[in-house]
């Protein structure tokens, strides 16, 4: 599960209380999304782990179908989704080149769909709470699965609708928390960021 970048199912917004208006605002904000980049910190905890595993890096998105996750800690690891091409590399290893339908690409494909403004597939119980300048959007599957998250909690800025953080809890009790900082929306991306390793 080391660095399972399960950014899947980001803020699908509820249809209750703040829900319908918030969902409409979220989808409208992604219609004009051409690119997005942000720093992230990922913390993984699990009942069998002595201490959390913390990773850091930067993610890049270019509409409509390019996504890259670069780790700076540990340096050299990355995930790349470019159309139907999926590539992953761990430091010191040869990159694995796969099709985007491969199970290890599911999280990136789901994240790409959300960034496109397409809600994730499936039935979820949705709960929205407002806490100060943030919305907490909590998703739980109506039909629990041994392979899908048990709960996804998103923290969304109430004004900009920027994703501030996400905690994904898996059925076995493992949890992945992501905190996002320094987002740049519709800004030029580094040349070659979506180029596969040679």
N, C-alpha and C. Protein backbone atom coordinates (compact mmCIF):
# COMPACT_ATOMS: atom_id res chain seq x y z
N UNK A 1 0.82 -1.18 0.00
CA UNK A 1 0.00 0.00 0.00
C UNK A 1 0.87 1.25 0.00
N UNK A 2 2.23 1.06 0.11
CA UNK A 2 3.16 2.18 0.15
C UNK A 2 2.87 3.15 -0.98
N UNK A 3 2.48 4.34 -0.63
CA UNK A 3 2.18 5.42 -1.56
C UNK A 3 1.12 5.08 -2.58
N UNK A 4 0.11 4.32 -2.17
CA UNK A 4 -1.06 4.10 -3.04
C UNK A 4 -1.73 5.45 -3.14
N UNK A 5 -1.49 6.14 -4.23
CA UNK A 5 -1.98 7.50 -4.34
C UNK A 5 -3.45 7.47 -4.70
N UNK A 6 -4.24 7.21 -3.69
CA UNK A 6 -5.66 7.00 -3.89
C UNK A 6 -6.37 8.33 -3.79
N UNK A 7 -6.08 9.20 -4.72
CA UNK A 7 -6.74 10.49 -4.76
C UNK A 7 -8.09 10.36 -5.43
N UNK A 8 -8.54 9.16 -5.53
CA UNK A 8 -9.80 8.90 -6.20
C UNK A 8 -10.94 9.54 -5.43
N UNK A 9 -11.94 9.85 -6.15
CA UNK A 9 -13.20 10.29 -5.57
C UNK A 9 -13.08 11.57 -4.77
N UNK A 10 -12.35 12.55 -5.30
CA UNK A 10 -12.23 13.83 -4.61
C UNK A 10 -13.61 14.44 -4.49
N UNK A 11 -13.75 15.72 -4.31
CA UNK A 11 -15.02 16.22 -3.80
C UNK A 11 -16.22 16.06 -4.73
N UNK A 12 -16.89 14.95 -4.57
CA UNK A 12 -18.23 14.82 -5.15
C UNK A 12 -19.14 15.42 -4.10
N UNK A 13 -19.83 16.46 -4.47
CA UNK A 13 -20.49 17.27 -3.47
C UNK A 13 -21.92 16.81 -3.22
N UNK A 14 -22.33 16.85 -1.99
CA UNK A 14 -23.62 16.30 -1.59
C UNK A 14 -24.80 17.10 -2.09
N UNK A 15 -25.95 16.45 -2.17
CA UNK A 15 -27.19 17.10 -2.57
C UNK A 15 -28.08 17.28 -1.35
N UNK A 16 -27.55 17.94 -0.35
CA UNK A 16 -28.31 18.22 0.86
C UNK A 16 -27.72 19.48 1.48
N UNK A 17 -28.47 20.17 2.28
CA UNK A 17 -28.04 21.40 2.95
C UNK A 17 -27.35 22.33 1.97
N UNK A 18 -26.01 22.30 1.91
CA UNK A 18 -25.26 23.15 0.99
C UNK A 18 -25.13 22.48 -0.37
N UNK A 19 -25.53 21.22 -0.43
CA UNK A 19 -25.22 20.31 -1.49
C UNK A 19 -25.43 20.74 -2.92
N UNK A 20 -26.66 20.95 -3.33
CA UNK A 20 -26.91 21.17 -4.75
C UNK A 20 -26.19 22.40 -5.25
N UNK A 21 -26.22 23.51 -4.48
CA UNK A 21 -25.52 24.72 -4.89
C UNK A 21 -24.02 24.48 -4.92
N UNK A 22 -23.48 23.78 -3.92
CA UNK A 22 -22.05 23.51 -3.85
C UNK A 22 -21.62 22.61 -5.01
N UNK A 23 -22.41 21.58 -5.30
CA UNK A 23 -22.07 20.70 -6.42
C UNK A 23 -22.08 21.47 -7.74
N UNK A 24 -23.08 22.31 -7.95
CA UNK A 24 -23.16 23.10 -9.19
C UNK A 24 -21.96 24.04 -9.29
N UNK A 25 -21.58 24.68 -8.18
CA UNK A 25 -20.41 25.57 -8.18
C UNK A 25 -19.14 24.80 -8.48
N UNK A 26 -18.99 23.61 -7.87
CA UNK A 26 -17.79 22.80 -8.08
C UNK A 26 -17.66 22.40 -9.55
N UNK A 27 -18.75 21.88 -10.13
CA UNK A 27 -18.71 21.44 -11.53
C UNK A 27 -18.46 22.62 -12.46
N UNK A 28 -19.08 23.77 -12.17
CA UNK A 28 -18.85 24.97 -13.00
C UNK A 28 -17.40 25.43 -12.92
N UNK A 29 -16.80 25.32 -11.74
CA UNK A 29 -15.41 25.77 -11.57
C UNK A 29 -14.44 24.89 -12.37
N UNK A 30 -14.83 23.66 -12.67
CA UNK A 30 -13.94 22.76 -13.41
C UNK A 30 -14.16 22.81 -14.92
N UNK A 31 -15.22 23.48 -15.36
CA UNK A 31 -15.43 23.61 -16.81
C UNK A 31 -14.29 24.36 -17.47
N UNK A 32 -13.75 25.36 -16.78
CA UNK A 32 -12.68 26.18 -17.33
C UNK A 32 -11.30 25.79 -16.83
N UNK A 33 -11.18 24.61 -16.22
CA UNK A 33 -9.90 24.17 -15.70
C UNK A 33 -9.03 23.63 -16.84
N UNK A 34 -7.95 24.35 -17.13
CA UNK A 34 -7.01 23.92 -18.17
C UNK A 34 -5.81 23.22 -17.56
N UNK A 35 -5.36 23.72 -16.40
CA UNK A 35 -4.22 23.09 -15.72
C UNK A 35 -4.31 23.37 -14.23
N UNK A 36 -3.68 22.49 -13.47
CA UNK A 36 -3.65 22.63 -12.03
C UNK A 36 -2.36 21.98 -11.53
N UNK A 37 -1.72 22.63 -10.59
CA UNK A 37 -0.54 22.06 -9.95
C UNK A 37 -0.55 22.48 -8.48
N UNK A 38 -0.05 21.61 -7.63
CA UNK A 38 -0.03 21.91 -6.19
C UNK A 38 0.99 21.01 -5.50
N UNK A 39 1.49 21.48 -4.38
CA UNK A 39 2.33 20.65 -3.52
C UNK A 39 1.41 19.79 -2.66
N UNK A 40 1.90 18.63 -2.24
CA UNK A 40 1.11 17.79 -1.35
C UNK A 40 2.00 17.11 -0.32
N UNK A 41 1.38 16.78 0.81
CA UNK A 41 2.01 15.94 1.83
C UNK A 41 1.06 14.77 2.05
N UNK A 42 1.57 13.57 1.98
CA UNK A 42 0.78 12.36 2.11
C UNK A 42 1.23 11.62 3.36
N UNK A 43 0.29 11.25 4.23
CA UNK A 43 0.60 10.50 5.44
C UNK A 43 -0.22 9.22 5.43
N UNK A 44 0.46 8.08 5.55
CA UNK A 44 -0.21 6.78 5.56
C UNK A 44 -0.07 6.18 6.96
N UNK A 45 -1.21 5.75 7.50
CA UNK A 45 -1.21 5.05 8.78
C UNK A 45 -1.95 3.73 8.58
N UNK A 46 -1.59 2.75 9.41
CA UNK A 46 -2.22 1.44 9.32
C UNK A 46 -2.11 0.77 10.69
N UNK A 47 -3.09 -0.06 11.04
CA UNK A 47 -3.02 -0.75 12.33
C UNK A 47 -1.72 -1.52 12.54
N UNK A 48 -1.10 -2.04 11.49
CA UNK A 48 0.11 -2.82 11.63
C UNK A 48 1.40 -2.01 11.57
N UNK A 49 1.31 -0.72 11.36
CA UNK A 49 2.51 0.12 11.23
C UNK A 49 2.89 0.72 12.59
N UNK A 50 4.19 0.78 12.85
CA UNK A 50 4.65 1.37 14.10
C UNK A 50 4.50 2.89 14.10
N UNK A 51 4.77 3.49 12.95
CA UNK A 51 4.61 4.94 12.83
C UNK A 51 4.17 5.30 11.41
N UNK A 52 3.59 6.46 11.24
CA UNK A 52 3.10 6.86 9.91
C UNK A 52 4.24 6.99 8.90
N UNK A 53 3.90 6.79 7.64
CA UNK A 53 4.84 7.01 6.54
C UNK A 53 4.44 8.33 5.88
N UNK A 54 5.36 9.27 5.83
CA UNK A 54 5.07 10.59 5.28
C UNK A 54 5.85 10.77 3.99
N UNK A 55 5.15 11.18 2.95
CA UNK A 55 5.76 11.47 1.65
C UNK A 55 5.33 12.87 1.23
N UNK A 56 6.13 13.48 0.36
CA UNK A 56 5.81 14.82 -0.14
C UNK A 56 6.08 14.88 -1.62
N UNK A 57 5.46 15.84 -2.27
CA UNK A 57 5.72 16.01 -3.69
C UNK A 57 4.83 17.07 -4.31
N UNK A 58 4.65 16.95 -5.62
CA UNK A 58 3.86 17.92 -6.38
C UNK A 58 3.06 17.16 -7.42
N UNK A 59 1.82 17.60 -7.64
CA UNK A 59 1.03 16.99 -8.71
C UNK A 59 0.71 18.02 -9.76
N UNK A 60 0.55 17.52 -11.00
CA UNK A 60 0.29 18.36 -12.17
C UNK A 60 -0.87 17.76 -12.96
N UNK A 61 -1.75 18.62 -13.43
CA UNK A 61 -2.86 18.18 -14.29
C UNK A 61 -2.94 19.12 -15.48
N UNK A 62 -3.09 18.56 -16.67
CA UNK A 62 -3.32 19.32 -17.90
C UNK A 62 -4.55 18.73 -18.57
N UNK A 63 -5.58 19.55 -18.75
CA UNK A 63 -6.82 19.07 -19.37
C UNK A 63 -6.53 18.65 -20.81
N UNK A 64 -7.18 17.63 -21.30
CA UNK A 64 -8.21 16.86 -20.61
C UNK A 64 -7.73 15.54 -20.02
N UNK A 65 -6.47 15.11 -20.29
CA UNK A 65 -6.15 13.72 -19.93
C UNK A 65 -4.74 13.47 -19.42
N UNK A 66 -4.06 14.49 -18.88
CA UNK A 66 -2.69 14.30 -18.41
C UNK A 66 -2.60 14.60 -16.92
N UNK A 67 -1.94 13.69 -16.20
CA UNK A 67 -1.79 13.84 -14.76
C UNK A 67 -0.45 13.24 -14.36
N UNK A 68 0.30 13.97 -13.52
CA UNK A 68 1.58 13.47 -13.03
C UNK A 68 1.69 13.76 -11.54
N UNK A 69 2.17 12.76 -10.81
CA UNK A 69 2.44 12.89 -9.38
C UNK A 69 3.93 12.65 -9.20
N UNK A 70 4.65 13.68 -8.76
CA UNK A 70 6.10 13.57 -8.52
C UNK A 70 6.36 13.62 -7.02
N UNK A 71 7.13 12.67 -6.53
CA UNK A 71 7.50 12.66 -5.13
C UNK A 71 8.87 13.29 -4.95
N UNK A 72 8.98 14.22 -4.02
CA UNK A 72 10.28 14.78 -3.66
C UNK A 72 10.83 14.07 -2.42
N UNK A 73 9.94 13.43 -1.70
CA UNK A 73 10.32 12.63 -0.54
C UNK A 73 9.44 11.40 -0.53
N UNK A 74 9.90 10.24 -0.96
CA UNK A 74 11.24 9.94 -1.45
C UNK A 74 11.44 10.45 -2.88
N UNK A 75 12.58 11.02 -3.10
CA UNK A 75 12.89 11.62 -4.41
C UNK A 75 12.98 10.54 -5.48
N UNK A 76 12.46 10.87 -6.67
CA UNK A 76 12.60 9.99 -7.82
C UNK A 76 11.38 9.13 -8.12
N UNK A 77 10.46 8.98 -7.19
CA UNK A 77 9.25 8.19 -7.46
C UNK A 77 8.24 9.07 -8.19
N UNK A 78 7.47 8.46 -9.09
CA UNK A 78 6.42 9.22 -9.77
C UNK A 78 5.36 8.30 -10.35
N UNK A 79 4.20 8.91 -10.67
CA UNK A 79 3.12 8.29 -11.42
C UNK A 79 2.80 9.23 -12.57
N UNK A 80 2.61 8.69 -13.75
CA UNK A 80 2.30 9.50 -14.93
C UNK A 80 1.13 8.87 -15.68
N UNK A 81 0.11 9.67 -15.95
CA UNK A 81 -1.03 9.24 -16.74
C UNK A 81 -1.15 10.23 -17.89
N UNK A 82 -0.96 9.71 -19.11
CA UNK A 82 -1.00 10.56 -20.31
C UNK A 82 -1.91 9.85 -21.31
N UNK A 83 -3.17 10.27 -21.37
CA UNK A 83 -4.14 9.56 -22.20
C UNK A 83 -4.35 8.17 -21.65
N UNK A 84 -4.12 7.17 -22.47
CA UNK A 84 -4.28 5.77 -22.04
C UNK A 84 -2.96 5.17 -21.56
N UNK A 85 -1.89 5.95 -21.55
CA UNK A 85 -0.56 5.51 -21.13
C UNK A 85 -0.40 5.77 -19.63
N UNK A 86 0.00 4.75 -18.89
CA UNK A 86 0.26 4.88 -17.46
C UNK A 86 1.67 4.39 -17.17
N UNK A 87 2.41 5.19 -16.42
CA UNK A 87 3.78 4.83 -16.07
C UNK A 87 4.01 5.12 -14.59
N UNK A 88 4.72 4.24 -13.93
CA UNK A 88 5.07 4.44 -12.53
C UNK A 88 6.53 4.05 -12.32
N UNK A 89 7.19 4.77 -11.44
CA UNK A 89 8.57 4.43 -11.14
C UNK A 89 8.85 4.67 -9.67
N UNK A 90 9.56 3.72 -9.09
CA UNK A 90 10.06 3.88 -7.73
C UNK A 90 11.55 4.09 -7.83
N UNK A 91 12.08 4.90 -6.97
CA UNK A 91 13.50 5.25 -6.98
C UNK A 91 14.38 4.02 -7.15
N UNK A 92 15.30 4.11 -8.09
CA UNK A 92 16.25 3.04 -8.32
C UNK A 92 15.73 1.88 -9.13
N UNK A 93 14.50 1.93 -9.58
CA UNK A 93 13.90 0.83 -10.35
C UNK A 93 13.60 1.31 -11.77
N UNK A 94 13.44 0.36 -12.65
CA UNK A 94 13.05 0.65 -14.03
C UNK A 94 11.58 1.04 -14.04
N UNK A 95 11.20 2.06 -14.80
CA UNK A 95 9.78 2.44 -14.86
C UNK A 95 8.91 1.30 -15.38
N UNK A 96 7.73 1.17 -14.81
CA UNK A 96 6.75 0.20 -15.30
C UNK A 96 5.79 0.96 -16.21
N UNK A 97 5.68 0.50 -17.45
CA UNK A 97 4.80 1.14 -18.43
C UNK A 97 3.60 0.23 -18.63
N UNK A 98 2.41 0.78 -18.36
CA UNK A 98 1.18 0.00 -18.38
C UNK A 98 0.09 0.77 -19.11
N UNK A 99 -1.03 0.13 -19.30
CA UNK A 99 -2.22 0.76 -19.86
C UNK A 99 -3.00 1.40 -18.71
N UNK A 100 -3.75 2.46 -19.00
CA UNK A 100 -4.50 3.14 -17.95
C UNK A 100 -5.62 2.28 -17.36
N UNK A 101 -5.92 1.14 -17.97
CA UNK A 101 -6.93 0.24 -17.41
C UNK A 101 -6.34 -0.67 -16.33
N UNK A 102 -5.03 -0.63 -16.13
CA UNK A 102 -4.38 -1.46 -15.11
C UNK A 102 -4.89 -1.05 -13.72
N UNK A 103 -5.12 -2.02 -12.82
CA UNK A 103 -5.64 -1.67 -11.48
C UNK A 103 -4.83 -0.62 -10.73
N UNK A 104 -3.51 -0.59 -10.92
CA UNK A 104 -2.70 0.39 -10.19
C UNK A 104 -2.89 1.81 -10.71
N UNK A 105 -3.58 1.97 -11.84
CA UNK A 105 -3.84 3.31 -12.39
C UNK A 105 -5.20 3.84 -11.97
N UNK A 106 -6.02 3.02 -11.29
CA UNK A 106 -7.40 3.42 -10.96
C UNK A 106 -7.50 4.76 -10.25
N UNK A 107 -6.63 4.97 -9.27
CA UNK A 107 -6.70 6.21 -8.49
C UNK A 107 -6.45 7.43 -9.37
N UNK A 108 -5.45 7.34 -10.24
CA UNK A 108 -5.15 8.48 -11.11
C UNK A 108 -6.25 8.71 -12.14
N UNK A 109 -6.79 7.64 -12.67
CA UNK A 109 -7.89 7.77 -13.63
C UNK A 109 -9.09 8.43 -12.96
N UNK A 110 -9.41 8.02 -11.73
CA UNK A 110 -10.53 8.62 -11.00
C UNK A 110 -10.27 10.09 -10.69
N UNK A 111 -9.04 10.41 -10.28
CA UNK A 111 -8.70 11.81 -10.02
C UNK A 111 -8.84 12.64 -11.28
N UNK A 112 -8.37 12.11 -12.40
CA UNK A 112 -8.48 12.82 -13.67
C UNK A 112 -9.95 13.10 -14.02
N UNK A 113 -10.82 12.13 -13.77
CA UNK A 113 -12.24 12.32 -14.07
C UNK A 113 -12.85 13.42 -13.20
N UNK A 114 -12.46 13.45 -11.92
CA UNK A 114 -12.97 14.49 -11.04
C UNK A 114 -12.47 15.86 -11.49
N UNK A 115 -11.19 15.95 -11.86
CA UNK A 115 -10.64 17.23 -12.34
C UNK A 115 -11.31 17.68 -13.63
N UNK A 116 -11.80 16.73 -14.41
CA UNK A 116 -12.56 17.07 -15.62
C UNK A 116 -13.96 17.56 -15.28
N UNK A 117 -14.38 17.37 -14.02
CA UNK A 117 -15.73 17.75 -13.62
C UNK A 117 -16.72 16.62 -13.76
N UNK A 118 -16.20 15.39 -13.91
CA UNK A 118 -17.04 14.21 -14.03
C UNK A 118 -17.10 13.51 -12.67
N UNK A 119 -18.27 13.38 -12.07
CA UNK A 119 -18.36 12.72 -10.76
C UNK A 119 -17.94 11.25 -10.85
N UNK A 120 -17.40 10.70 -9.76
CA UNK A 120 -17.02 9.29 -9.75
C UNK A 120 -18.24 8.39 -9.89
N UNK A 121 -18.00 7.21 -10.44
CA UNK A 121 -19.07 6.23 -10.63
C UNK A 121 -19.36 5.55 -9.30
N UNK A 122 -20.61 5.28 -9.03
CA UNK A 122 -20.98 4.55 -7.82
C UNK A 122 -21.97 5.32 -6.98
N UNK A 123 -22.55 4.61 -6.06
CA UNK A 123 -23.54 5.19 -5.17
C UNK A 123 -22.89 5.46 -3.82
N UNK A 124 -23.03 6.69 -3.37
CA UNK A 124 -22.42 7.09 -2.11
C UNK A 124 -23.41 7.84 -1.24
N UNK A 125 -23.29 7.62 0.05
CA UNK A 125 -23.98 8.48 1.00
C UNK A 125 -23.11 9.71 1.14
N UNK A 126 -23.70 10.88 1.04
CA UNK A 126 -22.93 12.12 1.05
C UNK A 126 -23.39 13.00 2.19
N UNK A 127 -22.43 13.56 2.88
CA UNK A 127 -22.72 14.45 3.99
C UNK A 127 -21.84 15.68 3.84
N UNK A 128 -22.43 16.88 3.97
CA UNK A 128 -21.67 18.12 3.88
C UNK A 128 -21.85 18.90 5.17
N UNK A 129 -20.73 19.35 5.72
CA UNK A 129 -20.76 20.20 6.91
C UNK A 129 -19.94 21.44 6.60
N UNK A 130 -20.38 22.57 7.13
CA UNK A 130 -19.59 23.79 6.98
C UNK A 130 -18.92 24.07 8.32
N UNK A 131 -17.59 24.25 8.28
CA UNK A 131 -16.82 24.59 9.49
C UNK A 131 -15.98 25.81 9.14
N UNK A 132 -16.41 26.95 9.60
CA UNK A 132 -15.68 28.19 9.30
C UNK A 132 -15.64 28.42 7.80
N UNK A 133 -14.45 28.58 7.26
CA UNK A 133 -14.27 28.84 5.84
C UNK A 133 -14.11 27.59 5.00
N UNK A 134 -14.48 26.44 5.55
CA UNK A 134 -14.32 25.18 4.83
C UNK A 134 -15.62 24.39 4.79
N UNK A 135 -15.74 23.57 3.77
CA UNK A 135 -16.75 22.52 3.72
C UNK A 135 -16.03 21.21 3.98
N UNK A 136 -16.67 20.34 4.75
CA UNK A 136 -16.21 18.96 4.89
C UNK A 136 -17.21 18.12 4.12
N UNK A 137 -16.71 17.41 3.12
CA UNK A 137 -17.55 16.57 2.29
C UNK A 137 -17.16 15.12 2.59
N UNK A 138 -18.10 14.36 3.15
CA UNK A 138 -17.81 12.99 3.57
C UNK A 138 -18.60 12.04 2.68
N UNK A 139 -17.89 11.11 2.06
CA UNK A 139 -18.49 10.11 1.18
C UNK A 139 -18.30 8.73 1.79
N UNK A 140 -19.38 7.97 1.85
CA UNK A 140 -19.30 6.57 2.27
C UNK A 140 -20.09 5.74 1.26
N UNK A 141 -19.52 4.62 0.79
CA UNK A 141 -20.23 3.81 -0.20
C UNK A 141 -21.48 3.18 0.40
N UNK A 142 -22.56 3.14 -0.39
CA UNK A 142 -23.78 2.50 0.05
C UNK A 142 -23.61 0.98 0.11
N UNK A 143 -22.77 0.45 -0.77
CA UNK A 143 -22.47 -0.98 -0.78
C UNK A 143 -20.98 -1.14 -0.46
N UNK A 144 -20.64 -1.42 0.79
CA UNK A 144 -19.23 -1.56 1.17
C UNK A 144 -18.52 -2.62 0.32
N UNK A 145 -17.23 -2.38 0.10
CA UNK A 145 -16.41 -3.27 -0.73
C UNK A 145 -15.08 -3.50 -0.04
N UNK A 146 -14.49 -4.69 -0.19
CA UNK A 146 -13.19 -4.93 0.43
C UNK A 146 -12.05 -4.21 -0.28
N UNK A 147 -12.29 -3.66 -1.47
CA UNK A 147 -11.22 -2.99 -2.21
C UNK A 147 -11.41 -1.49 -2.34
N UNK A 148 -12.60 -0.98 -2.09
CA UNK A 148 -12.84 0.45 -2.20
C UNK A 148 -12.78 1.10 -0.82
N UNK A 149 -12.53 2.41 -0.78
CA UNK A 149 -12.46 3.09 0.52
C UNK A 149 -13.74 2.93 1.33
N UNK A 150 -13.57 2.85 2.65
CA UNK A 150 -14.70 2.79 3.58
C UNK A 150 -15.27 4.19 3.80
N UNK A 151 -14.40 5.20 3.72
CA UNK A 151 -14.83 6.58 3.92
C UNK A 151 -13.82 7.51 3.27
N UNK A 152 -14.32 8.59 2.67
CA UNK A 152 -13.46 9.63 2.10
C UNK A 152 -13.95 10.96 2.65
N UNK A 153 -13.06 11.66 3.32
CA UNK A 153 -13.42 12.98 3.86
C UNK A 153 -12.56 14.03 3.16
N UNK A 154 -13.23 14.97 2.50
CA UNK A 154 -12.55 16.05 1.79
C UNK A 154 -12.74 17.36 2.52
N UNK A 155 -11.69 18.18 2.56
CA UNK A 155 -11.78 19.53 3.07
C UNK A 155 -11.67 20.47 1.88
N UNK A 156 -12.71 21.28 1.66
CA UNK A 156 -12.79 22.14 0.49
C UNK A 156 -12.95 23.59 0.95
N UNK A 157 -12.14 24.50 0.39
CA UNK A 157 -12.27 25.92 0.70
C UNK A 157 -13.64 26.40 0.26
N UNK A 158 -14.39 27.03 1.16
CA UNK A 158 -15.77 27.42 0.86
C UNK A 158 -15.86 28.47 -0.23
N UNK A 159 -14.86 29.33 -0.35
CA UNK A 159 -14.92 30.40 -1.34
C UNK A 159 -14.40 29.96 -2.70
N UNK A 160 -13.19 29.42 -2.73
CA UNK A 160 -12.56 29.07 -4.01
C UNK A 160 -12.89 27.67 -4.50
N UNK A 161 -13.41 26.81 -3.61
CA UNK A 161 -13.67 25.39 -3.87
C UNK A 161 -12.39 24.60 -4.12
N UNK A 162 -11.26 25.15 -3.71
CA UNK A 162 -9.99 24.42 -3.82
C UNK A 162 -9.97 23.31 -2.80
N UNK A 163 -9.45 22.16 -3.21
CA UNK A 163 -9.32 21.03 -2.30
C UNK A 163 -8.14 21.30 -1.37
N UNK A 164 -8.39 21.35 -0.07
CA UNK A 164 -7.36 21.63 0.92
C UNK A 164 -6.75 20.36 1.48
N UNK A 165 -7.56 19.32 1.58
CA UNK A 165 -7.07 18.07 2.15
C UNK A 165 -8.08 16.96 1.95
N UNK A 166 -7.61 15.74 2.15
CA UNK A 166 -8.44 14.56 1.95
C UNK A 166 -7.91 13.45 2.85
N UNK A 167 -8.84 12.74 3.48
CA UNK A 167 -8.46 11.54 4.24
C UNK A 167 -9.27 10.38 3.68
N UNK A 168 -8.57 9.32 3.29
CA UNK A 168 -9.20 8.13 2.72
C UNK A 168 -8.96 6.99 3.69
N UNK A 169 -10.05 6.39 4.17
CA UNK A 169 -9.95 5.27 5.10
C UNK A 169 -10.36 4.00 4.37
N UNK A 170 -9.47 3.02 4.37
CA UNK A 170 -9.70 1.76 3.69
C UNK A 170 -10.39 0.76 4.63
N UNK A 171 -11.01 -0.30 4.07
CA UNK A 171 -11.74 -1.27 4.90
C UNK A 171 -10.89 -1.91 5.99
N UNK A 172 -9.61 -2.12 5.75
CA UNK A 172 -8.75 -2.79 6.73
C UNK A 172 -8.26 -1.84 7.82
N UNK A 173 -8.67 -0.56 7.76
CA UNK A 173 -8.29 0.40 8.80
C UNK A 173 -7.14 1.31 8.42
N UNK A 174 -6.47 1.04 7.32
CA UNK A 174 -5.39 1.93 6.87
C UNK A 174 -6.01 3.26 6.44
N UNK A 175 -5.28 4.34 6.63
CA UNK A 175 -5.77 5.66 6.23
C UNK A 175 -4.67 6.42 5.51
N UNK A 176 -5.07 7.16 4.49
CA UNK A 176 -4.16 8.02 3.74
C UNK A 176 -4.68 9.44 3.83
N UNK A 177 -3.87 10.32 4.36
CA UNK A 177 -4.26 11.73 4.46
C UNK A 177 -3.39 12.54 3.51
N UNK A 178 -4.04 13.42 2.76
CA UNK A 178 -3.34 14.30 1.84
C UNK A 178 -3.65 15.75 2.23
N UNK A 179 -2.63 16.57 2.27
CA UNK A 179 -2.79 18.00 2.50
C UNK A 179 -2.20 18.69 1.29
N UNK A 180 -2.97 19.60 0.67
CA UNK A 180 -2.55 20.29 -0.54
C UNK A 180 -2.23 21.75 -0.23
N UNK A 181 -1.14 22.24 -0.83
CA UNK A 181 -0.71 23.63 -0.61
C UNK A 181 -0.24 24.23 -1.92
N UNK A 182 -0.22 25.55 -1.96
CA UNK A 182 0.30 26.31 -3.09
C UNK A 182 -0.30 25.92 -4.44
N UNK A 183 -1.63 25.84 -4.52
CA UNK A 183 -2.22 25.47 -5.82
C UNK A 183 -2.07 26.60 -6.84
N UNK A 184 -1.79 26.22 -8.08
CA UNK A 184 -1.73 27.15 -9.20
C UNK A 184 -2.70 26.65 -10.25
N UNK A 185 -3.71 27.43 -10.53
CA UNK A 185 -4.76 27.05 -11.47
C UNK A 185 -4.55 27.80 -12.79
N UNK A 186 -4.61 27.05 -13.91
CA UNK A 186 -4.50 27.62 -15.25
C UNK A 186 -3.23 28.45 -15.44
N UNK A 187 -2.13 27.94 -14.88
CA UNK A 187 -0.81 28.55 -15.06
C UNK A 187 0.03 27.63 -15.94
N UNK A 188 1.01 28.20 -16.68
CA UNK A 188 1.86 27.33 -17.51
C UNK A 188 2.56 26.26 -16.68
N UNK A 189 2.64 25.06 -17.24
CA UNK A 189 3.32 23.94 -16.58
C UNK A 189 4.74 23.81 -17.14
N UNK A 190 5.60 23.17 -16.37
CA UNK A 190 6.97 22.94 -16.80
C UNK A 190 6.99 22.17 -18.11
N UNK A 191 7.91 22.52 -18.99
CA UNK A 191 8.06 21.81 -20.25
C UNK A 191 8.47 20.37 -19.98
N UNK A 192 7.81 19.44 -20.63
CA UNK A 192 8.17 18.02 -20.50
C UNK A 192 7.64 17.31 -19.27
N UNK A 193 6.80 17.97 -18.48
CA UNK A 193 6.33 17.35 -17.24
C UNK A 193 5.54 16.06 -17.52
N UNK A 194 4.93 15.94 -18.69
CA UNK A 194 4.15 14.75 -19.01
C UNK A 194 4.90 13.80 -19.96
N UNK A 195 6.19 13.96 -20.06
CA UNK A 195 7.01 13.09 -20.89
C UNK A 195 7.44 11.88 -20.07
N UNK A 196 7.31 10.72 -20.65
CA UNK A 196 7.72 9.48 -19.98
C UNK A 196 9.24 9.43 -19.89
N UNK A 197 9.73 8.68 -18.89
CA UNK A 197 11.17 8.50 -18.73
C UNK A 197 11.74 7.74 -19.92
N UNK A 198 12.96 8.04 -20.25
CA UNK A 198 13.64 7.36 -21.37
C UNK A 198 14.17 6.02 -20.94
